[in-house]
């Protein structure tokens, strides 16, 4: 499983959803996630039918964080025009990781 990394700091395990089916399902049906989920390509997300709140990082094509948000279940997120991929994690994960706009993330095996 790949890892989400910022510089030399490993943030957590990363699941990657690139197919339409895997992006559409996202975190639906789960009670939690260890680490994060990368949706690529993506400009927006929703939390309809979600069981838990999530942190959302909107990233550009180079995985630089453009914006971050926390979304409660049953919400529609607004698109971020510069976003090309989205990273989702359980609410509170980004605070623990000190993830902020401008951070450059990487995916490592």
PDB file of N, CA and C in Angstrom:
ATOM      1  N   UNK A   1       0.845  -1.175   0.000  1.00  0.00           N
ATOM      2  CA  UNK A   1       0.000   0.000   0.000  1.00  0.00           C
ATOM      3  C   UNK A   1       0.893   1.243   0.000  1.00  0.00           C
ATOM      4  N   UNK A   2       0.563   2.230  -0.815  1.00  0.00           N
ATOM      5  CA  UNK A   2       1.375   3.450  -0.823  1.00  0.00           C
ATOM      6  C   UNK A   2       1.181   4.279   0.442  1.00  0.00           C
ATOM      7  N   UNK A   3       2.072   5.245   0.624  1.00  0.00           N
ATOM      8  CA  UNK A   3       2.059   6.124   1.789  1.00  0.00           C
ATOM      9  C   UNK A   3       1.913   7.566   1.339  1.00  0.00           C
ATOM     10  N   UNK A   4       1.204   8.362   2.133  1.00  0.00           N
ATOM     11  CA  UNK A   4       1.098   9.796   1.914  1.00  0.00           C
ATOM     12  C   UNK A   4       2.213  10.456   2.705  1.00  0.00           C
ATOM     13  N   UNK A   5       3.036  11.249   2.003  1.00  0.00           N
ATOM     14  CA  UNK A   5       4.250  11.808   2.593  1.00  0.00           C
ATOM     15  C   UNK A   5       4.311  13.311   2.324  1.00  0.00           C
ATOM     16  N   UNK A   6       4.814  14.058   3.318  1.00  0.00           N
ATOM     17  CA  UNK A   6       5.125  15.482   3.157  1.00  0.00           C
ATOM     18  C   UNK A   6       6.585  15.635   3.550  1.00  0.00           C
ATOM     19  N   UNK A   7       7.432  15.936   2.568  1.00  0.00           N
ATOM     20  CA  UNK A   7       8.868  16.000   2.834  1.00  0.00           C
ATOM     21  C   UNK A   7       9.362  14.633   3.262  1.00  0.00           C
ATOM     22  N   UNK A   8       9.961  14.559   4.456  1.00  0.00           N
ATOM     23  CA  UNK A   8      10.433  13.280   5.000  1.00  0.00           C
ATOM     24  C   UNK A   8       9.457  12.695   6.010  1.00  0.00           C
ATOM     25  N   UNK A   9       8.306  13.334   6.190  1.00  0.00           N
ATOM     26  CA  UNK A   9       7.322  12.904   7.193  1.00  0.00           C
ATOM     27  C   UNK A   9       6.235  12.037   6.555  1.00  0.00           C
ATOM     28  N   UNK A  10       6.096  10.819   7.043  1.00  0.00           N
ATOM     29  CA  UNK A  10       5.025   9.932   6.585  1.00  0.00           C
ATOM     30  C   UNK A  10       3.758  10.303   7.347  1.00  0.00           C
ATOM     31  N   UNK A  11       2.713  10.693   6.606  1.00  0.00           N
ATOM     32  CA  UNK A  11       1.456  11.081   7.233  1.00  0.00           C
ATOM     33  C   UNK A  11       0.566   9.875   7.509  1.00  0.00           C
ATOM     34  N   UNK A  12       0.552   8.913   6.600  1.00  0.00           N
ATOM     35  CA  UNK A  12      -0.256   7.724   6.821  1.00  0.00           C
ATOM     36  C   UNK A  12      -0.390   6.896   5.568  1.00  0.00           C
ATOM     37  N   UNK A  13      -1.004   5.705   5.706  1.00  0.00           N
ATOM     38  CA  UNK A  13      -1.246   4.868   4.532  1.00  0.00           C
ATOM     39  C   UNK A  13      -2.250   5.554   3.606  1.00  0.00           C
ATOM     40  N   UNK A  14      -2.129   5.283   2.310  1.00  0.00           N
ATOM     41  CA  UNK A  14      -2.957   5.954   1.322  1.00  0.00           C
ATOM     42  C   UNK A  14      -3.593   4.949   0.382  1.00  0.00           C
ATOM     43  N   UNK A  15      -4.906   5.019   0.274  1.00  0.00           N
ATOM     44  CA  UNK A  15      -5.627   4.267  -0.747  1.00  0.00           C
ATOM     45  C   UNK A  15      -5.805   5.207  -1.929  1.00  0.00           C
ATOM     46  N   UNK A  16      -5.720   4.681  -3.143  1.00  0.00           N
ATOM     47  CA  UNK A  16      -5.842   5.504  -4.340  1.00  0.00           C
ATOM     48  C   UNK A  16      -7.051   5.049  -5.141  1.00  0.00           C
ATOM     49  N   UNK A  17      -7.945   5.993  -5.435  1.00  0.00           N
ATOM     50  CA  UNK A  17      -9.146   5.708  -6.229  1.00  0.00           C
ATOM     51  C   UNK A  17      -9.049   6.498  -7.532  1.00  0.00           C
ATOM     52  N   UNK A  18      -8.785   5.793  -8.635  1.00  0.00           N
ATOM     53  CA  UNK A  18      -8.642   6.471  -9.918  1.00  0.00           C
ATOM     54  C   UNK A  18      -9.737   6.099 -10.907  1.00  0.00           C
ATOM     55  N   UNK A  19     -10.388   4.962 -10.697  1.00  0.00           N
ATOM     56  CA  UNK A  19     -11.464   4.581 -11.622  1.00  0.00           C
ATOM     57  C   UNK A  19     -12.741   5.327 -11.245  1.00  0.00           C
ATOM     58  N   UNK A  20     -13.637   5.467 -12.192  1.00  0.00           N
ATOM     59  CA  UNK A  20     -14.902   6.146 -11.918  1.00  0.00           C
ATOM     60  C   UNK A  20     -15.664   5.434 -10.804  1.00  0.00           C
ATOM     61  N   UNK A  21     -15.682   4.119 -10.827  1.00  0.00           N
ATOM     62  CA  UNK A  21     -16.397   3.358  -9.805  1.00  0.00           C
ATOM     63  C   UNK A  21     -15.790   3.566  -8.418  1.00  0.00           C
ATOM     64  N   UNK A  22     -14.468   3.505  -8.312  1.00  0.00           N
ATOM     65  CA  UNK A  22     -13.830   3.661  -6.996  1.00  0.00           C
ATOM     66  C   UNK A  22     -13.939   5.093  -6.485  1.00  0.00           C
ATOM     67  N   UNK A  23     -13.874   6.080  -7.389  1.00  0.00           N
ATOM     68  CA  UNK A  23     -14.060   7.481  -6.965  1.00  0.00           C
ATOM     69  C   UNK A  23     -15.493   7.735  -6.537  1.00  0.00           C
ATOM     70  N   UNK A  24     -16.447   7.136  -7.245  1.00  0.00           N
ATOM     71  CA  UNK A  24     -17.860   7.324  -6.903  1.00  0.00           C
ATOM     72  C   UNK A  24     -18.185   6.730  -5.537  1.00  0.00           C
ATOM     73  N   UNK A  25     -17.598   5.580  -5.236  1.00  0.00           N
ATOM     74  CA  UNK A  25     -17.850   4.949  -3.945  1.00  0.00           C
ATOM     75  C   UNK A  25     -17.126   5.682  -2.828  1.00  0.00           C
ATOM     76  N   UNK A  26     -15.890   6.067  -3.059  1.00  0.00           N
ATOM     77  CA  UNK A  26     -15.137   6.796  -2.040  1.00  0.00           C
ATOM     78  C   UNK A  26     -15.168   6.100  -0.701  1.00  0.00           C
ATOM     79  N   UNK A  27     -15.606   6.814   0.329  1.00  0.00           N
ATOM     80  CA  UNK A  27     -15.664   6.266   1.683  1.00  0.00           C
ATOM     81  C   UNK A  27     -17.066   5.809   2.072  1.00  0.00           C
ATOM     82  N   UNK A  28     -17.983   5.766   1.115  1.00  0.00           N
ATOM     83  CA  UNK A  28     -19.351   5.344   1.413  1.00  0.00           C
ATOM     84  C   UNK A  28     -19.367   3.908   1.932  1.00  0.00           C
ATOM     85  N   UNK A  29     -20.175   3.671   2.942  1.00  0.00           N
ATOM     86  CA  UNK A  29     -20.310   2.340   3.507  1.00  0.00           C
ATOM     87  C   UNK A  29     -19.288   2.005   4.571  1.00  0.00           C
ATOM     88  N   UNK A  30     -18.353   2.897   4.819  1.00  0.00           N
ATOM     89  CA  UNK A  30     -17.330   2.643   5.832  1.00  0.00           C
ATOM     90  C   UNK A  30     -17.679   3.367   7.127  1.00  0.00           C
ATOM     91  N   UNK A  31     -17.148   2.843   8.219  1.00  0.00           N
ATOM     92  CA  UNK A  31     -17.315   3.485   9.518  1.00  0.00           C
ATOM     93  C   UNK A  31     -16.105   4.324   9.889  1.00  0.00           C
ATOM     94  N   UNK A  32     -15.001   4.125   9.179  1.00  0.00           N
ATOM     95  CA  UNK A  32     -13.768   4.877   9.437  1.00  0.00           C
ATOM     96  C   UNK A  32     -12.745   4.559   8.351  1.00  0.00           C
ATOM     97  N   UNK A  33     -11.640   5.259   8.377  1.00  0.00           N
ATOM     98  CA  UNK A  33     -10.521   4.967   7.482  1.00  0.00           C
ATOM     99  C   UNK A  33      -9.225   5.170   8.255  1.00  0.00           C
ATOM    100  N   UNK A  34      -8.290   4.267   8.066  1.00  0.00           N
ATOM    101  CA  UNK A  34      -6.947   4.438   8.608  1.00  0.00           C
ATOM    102  C   UNK A  34      -6.123   5.086   7.520  1.00  0.00           C
ATOM    103  N   UNK A  35      -5.609   6.260   7.779  1.00  0.00           N
ATOM    104  CA  UNK A  35      -4.850   6.972   6.765  1.00  0.00           C
ATOM    105  C   UNK A  35      -5.758   7.850   5.935  1.00  0.00           C
ATOM    106  N   UNK A  36      -5.630   7.752   4.603  1.00  0.00           N
ATOM    107  CA  UNK A  36      -6.360   8.659   3.722  1.00  0.00           C
ATOM    108  C   UNK A  36      -6.719   7.968   2.412  1.00  0.00           C
ATOM    109  N   UNK A  37      -7.599   8.632   1.681  1.00  0.00           N
ATOM    110  CA  UNK A  37      -8.033   8.169   0.365  1.00  0.00           C
ATOM    111  C   UNK A  37      -7.785   9.290  -0.632  1.00  0.00           C
ATOM    112  N   UNK A  38      -7.109   8.970  -1.731  1.00  0.00           N
ATOM    113  CA  UNK A  38      -6.854   9.933  -2.798  1.00  0.00           C
ATOM    114  C   UNK A  38      -7.847   9.690  -3.927  1.00  0.00           C
ATOM    115  N   UNK A  39      -8.587  10.722  -4.297  1.00  0.00           N
ATOM    116  CA  UNK A  39      -9.504  10.678  -5.433  1.00  0.00           C
ATOM    117  C   UNK A  39      -8.865  11.474  -6.558  1.00  0.00           C
ATOM    118  N   UNK A  40      -8.623  10.808  -7.676  1.00  0.00           N
ATOM    119  CA  UNK A  40      -7.954  11.487  -8.789  1.00  0.00           C
ATOM    120  C   UNK A  40      -8.526  10.999 -10.096  1.00  0.00           C
ATOM    121  N   UNK A  41      -9.028  11.876 -10.957  1.00  0.00           N
ATOM    122  CA  UNK A  41      -9.173  13.329 -10.826  1.00  0.00           C
ATOM    123  C   UNK A  41     -10.427  13.680 -10.018  1.00  0.00           C
ATOM    124  N   UNK A  42     -10.418  14.852  -9.387  1.00  0.00           N
ATOM    125  CA  UNK A  42     -11.583  15.326  -8.632  1.00  0.00           C
ATOM    126  C   UNK A  42     -11.424  16.804  -8.324  1.00  0.00           C
ATOM    127  N   UNK A  43     -12.557  17.515  -8.367  1.00  0.00           N
ATOM    128  CA  UNK A  43     -12.587  18.939  -8.024  1.00  0.00           C
ATOM    129  C   UNK A  43     -13.493  19.221  -6.834  1.00  0.00           C
ATOM    130  N   UNK A  44     -14.391  18.275  -6.524  1.00  0.00           N
ATOM    131  CA  UNK A  44     -15.300  18.466  -5.396  1.00  0.00           C
ATOM    132  C   UNK A  44     -15.729  17.106  -4.861  1.00  0.00           C
ATOM    133  N   UNK A  45     -16.303  17.116  -3.657  1.00  0.00           N
ATOM    134  CA  UNK A  45     -16.812  15.901  -3.034  1.00  0.00           C
ATOM    135  C   UNK A  45     -18.117  16.214  -2.319  1.00  0.00           C
ATOM    136  N   UNK A  46     -18.804  15.160  -1.946  1.00  0.00           N
ATOM    137  CA  UNK A  46     -19.987  15.300  -1.098  1.00  0.00           C
ATOM    138  C   UNK A  46     -19.881  14.258  -0.002  1.00  0.00           C
ATOM    139  N   UNK A  47     -20.678  14.452   1.038  1.00  0.00           N
ATOM    140  CA  UNK A  47     -20.685  13.477   2.132  1.00  0.00           C
ATOM    141  C   UNK A  47     -22.090  12.891   2.321  1.00  0.00           C
ATOM    142  N   UNK A  48     -22.863  12.862   1.238  1.00  0.00           N
ATOM    143  CA  UNK A  48     -24.194  12.271   1.297  1.00  0.00           C
ATOM    144  C   UNK A  48     -24.066  10.787   1.633  1.00  0.00           C
ATOM    145  N   UNK A  49     -24.829  10.329   2.591  1.00  0.00           N
ATOM    146  CA  UNK A  49     -24.829   8.942   3.059  1.00  0.00           C
ATOM    147  C   UNK A  49     -23.543   8.533   3.782  1.00  0.00           C
ATOM    148  N   UNK A  50     -22.697   9.494   4.127  1.00  0.00           N
ATOM    149  CA  UNK A  50     -21.477   9.172   4.876  1.00  0.00           C
ATOM    150  C   UNK A  50     -21.830   8.913   6.332  1.00  0.00           C
ATOM    151  N   UNK A  51     -21.029   8.090   6.982  1.00  0.00           N
ATOM    152  CA  UNK A  51     -21.275   7.729   8.375  1.00  0.00           C
ATOM    153  C   UNK A  51     -20.443   8.541   9.359  1.00  0.00           C
ATOM    154  N   UNK A  52     -19.476   9.298   8.866  1.00  0.00           N
ATOM    155  CA  UNK A  52     -18.597  10.047   9.765  1.00  0.00           C
ATOM    156  C   UNK A  52     -18.102  11.310   9.068  1.00  0.00           C
ATOM    157  N   UNK A  53     -17.728  12.348   9.829  1.00  0.00           N
ATOM    158  CA  UNK A  53     -17.191  13.563   9.227  1.00  0.00           C
ATOM    159  C   UNK A  53     -15.785  13.317   8.674  1.00  0.00           C
ATOM    160  N   UNK A  54     -15.433  14.082   7.652  1.00  0.00           N
ATOM    161  CA  UNK A  54     -14.117  13.903   7.021  1.00  0.00           C
ATOM    162  C   UNK A  54     -13.392  15.228   6.855  1.00  0.00           C
ATOM    163  N   UNK A  55     -12.071  15.144   6.815  1.00  0.00           N
ATOM    164  CA  UNK A  55     -11.216  16.241   6.381  1.00  0.00           C
ATOM    165  C   UNK A  55     -10.994  16.071   4.889  1.00  0.00           C
ATOM    166  N   UNK A  56     -10.994  17.176   4.161  1.00  0.00           N
ATOM    167  CA  UNK A  56     -10.833  17.147   2.712  1.00  0.00           C
ATOM    168  C   UNK A  56      -9.707  18.104   2.330  1.00  0.00           C
ATOM    169  N   UNK A  57      -8.727  17.618   1.579  1.00  0.00           N
ATOM    170  CA  UNK A  57      -7.665  18.463   1.039  1.00  0.00           C
ATOM    171  C   UNK A  57      -7.818  18.510  -0.474  1.00  0.00           C
ATOM    172  N   UNK A  58      -7.994  19.697  -0.993  1.00  0.00           N
ATOM    173  CA  UNK A  58      -8.082  19.911  -2.434  1.00  0.00           C
ATOM    174  C   UNK A  58      -6.671  20.195  -2.922  1.00  0.00           C
ATOM    175  N   UNK A  59      -6.190  19.398  -3.876  1.00  0.00           N
ATOM    176  CA  UNK A  59      -4.805  19.504  -4.336  1.00  0.00           C
ATOM    177  C   UNK A  59      -4.750  19.791  -5.830  1.00  0.00           C
ATOM    178  N   UNK A  60      -3.682  20.485  -6.245  1.00  0.00           N
ATOM    179  CA  UNK A  60      -3.492  20.749  -7.673  1.00  0.00           C
ATOM    180  C   UNK A  60      -2.846  19.534  -8.335  1.00  0.00           C
ATOM    181  N   UNK A  61      -2.458  19.670  -9.583  1.00  0.00           N
ATOM    182  CA  UNK A  61      -1.903  18.543 -10.345  1.00  0.00           C
ATOM    183  C   UNK A  61      -0.599  18.017  -9.755  1.00  0.00           C
ATOM    184  N   UNK A  62       0.118  18.846  -8.998  1.00  0.00           N
ATOM    185  CA  UNK A  62       1.393  18.437  -8.403  1.00  0.00           C
ATOM    186  C   UNK A  62       1.238  18.003  -6.945  1.00  0.00           C
ATOM    187  N   UNK A  63      -0.001  17.810  -6.482  1.00  0.00           N
ATOM    188  CA  UNK A  63      -0.320  17.449  -5.101  1.00  0.00           C
ATOM    189  C   UNK A  63       0.099  18.521  -4.101  1.00  0.00           C
ATOM    190  N   UNK A  64       0.007  19.779  -4.513  1.00  0.00           N
ATOM    191  CA  UNK A  64       0.156  20.892  -3.577  1.00  0.00           C
ATOM    192  C   UNK A  64      -1.241  21.202  -3.061  1.00  0.00           C
ATOM    193  N   UNK A  65      -1.373  21.294  -1.744  1.00  0.00           N
ATOM    194  CA  UNK A  65      -2.681  21.536  -1.133  1.00  0.00           C
ATOM    195  C   UNK A  65      -3.134  22.960  -1.444  1.00  0.00           C
ATOM    196  N   UNK A  66      -4.300  23.070  -2.082  1.00  0.00           N
ATOM    197  CA  UNK A  66      -4.890  24.352  -2.454  1.00  0.00           C
ATOM    198  C   UNK A  66      -5.803  24.869  -1.348  1.00  0.00           C
ATOM    199  N   UNK A  67      -6.571  23.951  -0.731  1.00  0.00           N
ATOM    200  CA  UNK A  67      -7.521  24.324   0.307  1.00  0.00           C
ATOM    201  C   UNK A  67      -7.814  23.092   1.147  1.00  0.00           C
ATOM    202  N   UNK A  68      -8.226  23.301   2.383  1.00  0.00           N
ATOM    203  CA  UNK A  68      -8.653  22.211   3.251  1.00  0.00           C
ATOM    204  C   UNK A  68     -10.004  22.558   3.862  1.00  0.00           C
ATOM    205  N   UNK A  69     -10.786  21.537   4.161  1.00  0.00           N
ATOM    206  CA  UNK A  69     -12.095  21.731   4.774  1.00  0.00           C
ATOM    207  C   UNK A  69     -12.428  20.497   5.593  1.00  0.00           C
ATOM    208  N   UNK A  70     -13.292  20.679   6.570  1.00  0.00           N
ATOM    209  CA  UNK A  70     -13.873  19.561   7.297  1.00  0.00           C
ATOM    210  C   UNK A  70     -15.346  19.531   6.941  1.00  0.00           C
ATOM    211  N   UNK A  71     -15.842  18.359   6.577  1.00  0.00           N
ATOM    212  CA  UNK A  71     -17.230  18.226   6.140  1.00  0.00           C
ATOM    213  C   UNK A  71     -17.965  17.217   7.015  1.00  0.00           C
ATOM    214  N   UNK A  72     -19.120  17.644   7.516  1.00  0.00           N
ATOM    215  CA  UNK A  72     -20.002  16.752   8.256  1.00  0.00           C
ATOM    216  C   UNK A  72     -20.741  15.864   7.262  1.00  0.00           C
ATOM    217  N   UNK A  73     -21.307  14.745   7.729  1.00  0.00           N
ATOM    218  CA  UNK A  73     -22.115  13.919   6.830  1.00  0.00           C
ATOM    219  C   UNK A  73     -23.296  14.715   6.263  1.00  0.00           C
ATOM    220  N   UNK A  74     -23.725  14.287   5.085  1.00  0.00           N
ATOM    221  CA  UNK A  74     -24.883  14.856   4.392  1.00  0.00           C
ATOM    222  C   UNK A  74     -24.658  16.299   3.939  1.00  0.00           C
ATOM    223  N   UNK A  75     -23.466  16.589   3.444  1.00  0.00           N
ATOM    224  CA  UNK A  75     -23.159  17.924   2.929  1.00  0.00           C
ATOM    225  C   UNK A  75     -22.689  17.818   1.476  1.00  0.00           C
ATOM    226  N   UNK A  76     -22.897  18.906   0.730  1.00  0.00           N
ATOM    227  CA  UNK A  76     -22.357  19.041  -0.626  1.00  0.00           C
ATOM    228  C   UNK A  76     -21.198  20.021  -0.565  1.00  0.00           C
ATOM    229  N   UNK A  77     -20.056  19.616  -1.087  1.00  0.00           N
ATOM    230  CA  UNK A  77     -18.899  20.503  -1.112  1.00  0.00           C
ATOM    231  C   UNK A  77     -18.893  21.320  -2.392  1.00  0.00           C
ATOM    232  N   UNK A  78     -18.373  22.529  -2.286  1.00  0.00           N
ATOM    233  CA  UNK A  78     -18.263  23.348  -3.489  1.00  0.00           C
ATOM    234  C   UNK A  78     -16.939  23.028  -4.199  1.00  0.00           C
ATOM    235  N   UNK A  79     -16.954  23.043  -5.526  1.00  0.00           N
ATOM    236  CA  UNK A  79     -15.725  22.725  -6.265  1.00  0.00           C
ATOM    237  C   UNK A  79     -14.649  23.787  -6.058  1.00  0.00           C
ATOM    238  N   UNK A  80     -13.425  23.358  -6.115  1.00  0.00           N
ATOM    239  CA  UNK A  80     -12.268  24.273  -6.117  1.00  0.00           C
ATOM    240  C   UNK A  80     -11.682  24.168  -7.519  1.00  0.00           C
ATOM    241  N   UNK A  81     -11.705  25.248  -8.258  1.00  0.00           N
ATOM    242  CA  UNK A  81     -11.338  25.219  -9.676  1.00  0.00           C
ATOM    243  C   UNK A  81      -9.902  24.782  -9.921  1.00  0.00           C
ATOM    244  N   UNK A  82      -8.995  25.048  -9.000  1.00  0.00           N
ATOM    245  CA  UNK A  82      -7.596  24.643  -9.178  1.00  0.00           C
ATOM    246  C   UNK A  82      -7.345  23.202  -8.748  1.00  0.00           C
ATOM    247  N   UNK A  83      -8.350  22.571  -8.153  1.00  0.00           N
ATOM    248  CA  UNK A  83      -8.192  21.210  -7.655  1.00  0.00           C
ATOM    249  C   UNK A  83      -8.181  20.196  -8.801  1.00  0.00           C
ATOM    250  N   UNK A  84      -7.255  19.257  -8.730  1.00  0.00           N
ATOM    251  CA  UNK A  84      -7.185  18.155  -9.686  1.00  0.00           C
ATOM    252  C   UNK A  84      -7.294  16.812  -8.983  1.00  0.00           C
ATOM    253  N   UNK A  85      -7.099  16.828  -7.667  1.00  0.00           N
ATOM    254  CA  UNK A  85      -7.255  15.617  -6.870  1.00  0.00           C
ATOM    255  C   UNK A  85      -7.659  16.017  -5.458  1.00  0.00           C
ATOM    256  N   UNK A  86      -8.235  15.059  -4.752  1.00  0.00           N
ATOM    257  CA  UNK A  86      -8.727  15.313  -3.400  1.00  0.00           C
ATOM    258  C   UNK A  86      -8.247  14.198  -2.486  1.00  0.00           C
ATOM    259  N   UNK A  87      -7.843  14.590  -1.296  1.00  0.00           N
ATOM    260  CA  UNK A  87      -7.454  13.624  -0.275  1.00  0.00           C
ATOM    261  C   UNK A  87      -8.477  13.717   0.849  1.00  0.00           C
ATOM    262  N   UNK A  88      -9.052  12.562   1.213  1.00  0.00           N
ATOM    263  CA  UNK A  88     -10.029  12.487   2.290  1.00  0.00           C
ATOM    264  C   UNK A  88      -9.445  11.677   3.441  1.00  0.00           C
ATOM    265  N   UNK A  89      -9.713  12.133   4.660  1.00  0.00           N
ATOM    266  CA  UNK A  89      -9.302  11.413   5.867  1.00  0.00           C
ATOM    267  C   UNK A  89     -10.360  11.661   6.940  1.00  0.00           C
ATOM    268  N   UNK A  90     -10.305  10.897   8.008  1.00  0.00           N
ATOM    269  CA  UNK A  90     -11.243  11.126   9.106  1.00  0.00           C
ATOM    270  C   UNK A  90     -11.030  12.522   9.667  1.00  0.00           C
ATOM    271  N   UNK A  91     -12.121  13.168  10.058  1.00  0.00           N
ATOM    272  CA  UNK A  91     -12.031  14.504  10.642  1.00  0.00           C
ATOM    273  C   UNK A  91     -11.056  14.486  11.821  1.00  0.00           C
ATOM    274  N   UNK A  92     -10.181  15.456  11.865  1.00  0.00           N
ATOM    275  CA  UNK A  92      -9.161  15.549  12.898  1.00  0.00           C
ATOM    276  C   UNK A  92      -7.794  15.092  12.439  1.00  0.00           C
ATOM    277  N   UNK A  93      -7.738  14.316  11.367  1.00  0.00           N
ATOM    278  CA  UNK A  93      -6.447  13.814  10.877  1.00  0.00           C
ATOM    279  C   UNK A  93      -5.554  14.959  10.406  1.00  0.00           C
ATOM    280  N   UNK A  94      -6.127  15.919   9.691  1.00  0.00           N
ATOM    281  CA  UNK A  94      -5.304  17.012   9.158  1.00  0.00           C
ATOM    282  C   UNK A  94      -4.738  17.871  10.286  1.00  0.00           C
ATOM    283  N   UNK A  95      -5.481  18.039  11.365  1.00  0.00           N
ATOM    284  CA  UNK A  95      -4.958  18.784  12.518  1.00  0.00           C
ATOM    285  C   UNK A  95      -3.775  18.030  13.125  1.00  0.00           C
ATOM    286  N   UNK A  96      -3.901  16.707  13.253  1.00  0.00           N
ATOM    287  CA  UNK A  96      -2.781  15.908  13.776  1.00  0.00           C
ATOM    288  C   UNK A  96      -1.576  15.973  12.851  1.00  0.00           C
ATOM    289  N   UNK A  97      -1.830  15.986  11.545  1.00  0.00           N
ATOM    290  CA  UNK A  97      -0.747  16.021  10.557  1.00  0.00           C
ATOM    291  C   UNK A  97      -0.238  17.442  10.308  1.00  0.00           C
ATOM    292  N   UNK A  98      -0.932  18.447  10.864  1.00  0.00           N
ATOM    293  CA  UNK A  98      -0.612  19.861  10.621  1.00  0.00           C
ATOM    294  C   UNK A  98      -0.627  20.170   9.118  1.00  0.00           C
ATOM    295  N   UNK A  99      -1.610  19.605   8.421  1.00  0.00           N
ATOM    296  CA  UNK A  99      -1.733  19.790   6.975  1.00  0.00           C
ATOM    297  C   UNK A  99      -2.346  21.149   6.683  1.00  0.00           C
ATOM    298  N   UNK A 100      -1.720  21.914   5.804  1.00  0.00           N
ATOM    299  CA  UNK A 100      -2.149  23.277   5.498  1.00  0.00           C
ATOM    300  C   UNK A 100      -2.058  23.546   3.994  1.00  0.00           C
ATOM    301  N   UNK A 101      -2.811  24.525   3.510  1.00  0.00           N
ATOM    302  CA  UNK A 101      -2.631  24.948   2.114  1.00  0.00           C
ATOM    303  C   UNK A 101      -1.170  25.334   1.875  1.00  0.00           C
ATOM    304  N   UNK A 102      -0.665  24.934   0.726  1.00  0.00           N
ATOM    305  CA  UNK A 102       0.732  25.181   0.381  1.00  0.00           C
ATOM    306  C   UNK A 102       1.622  23.974   0.608  1.00  0.00           C
ATOM    307  N   UNK A 103       1.173  23.005   1.431  1.00  0.00           N
ATOM    308  CA  UNK A 103       1.965  21.797   1.658  1.00  0.00           C
ATOM    309  C   UNK A 103       2.071  21.006   0.358  1.00  0.00           C
ATOM    310  N   UNK A 104       3.253  20.503   0.073  1.00  0.00           N
ATOM    311  CA  UNK A 104       3.473  19.656  -1.098  1.00  0.00           C
ATOM    312  C   UNK A 104       3.510  18.211  -0.634  1.00  0.00           C
ATOM    313  N   UNK A 105       2.577  17.401  -1.123  1.00  0.00           N
ATOM    314  CA  UNK A 105       2.463  16.008  -0.726  1.00  0.00           C
ATOM    315  C   UNK A 105       3.029  15.098  -1.812  1.00  0.00           C
ATOM    316  N   UNK A 106       3.389  13.898  -1.402  1.00  0.00           N
ATOM    317  CA  UNK A 106       3.893  12.894  -2.339  1.00  0.00           C
ATOM    318  C   UNK A 106       3.268  11.543  -2.007  1.00  0.00           C
ATOM    319  N   UNK A 107       3.252  10.683  -3.001  1.00  0.00           N
ATOM    320  CA  UNK A 107       2.826   9.303  -2.819  1.00  0.00           C
ATOM    321  C   UNK A 107       4.075   8.447  -2.984  1.00  0.00           C
ATOM    322  N   UNK A 108       4.378   7.673  -1.966  1.00  0.00           N
ATOM    323  CA  UNK A 108       5.545   6.789  -2.032  1.00  0.00           C
ATOM    324  C   UNK A 108       5.122   5.353  -1.755  1.00  0.00           C
ATOM    325  N   UNK A 109       5.795   4.419  -2.425  1.00  0.00           N
ATOM    326  CA  UNK A 109       5.461   2.997  -2.208  1.00  0.00           C
ATOM    327  C   UNK A 109       5.893   2.518  -0.817  1.00  0.00           C
TER     328      UNK A 109
END
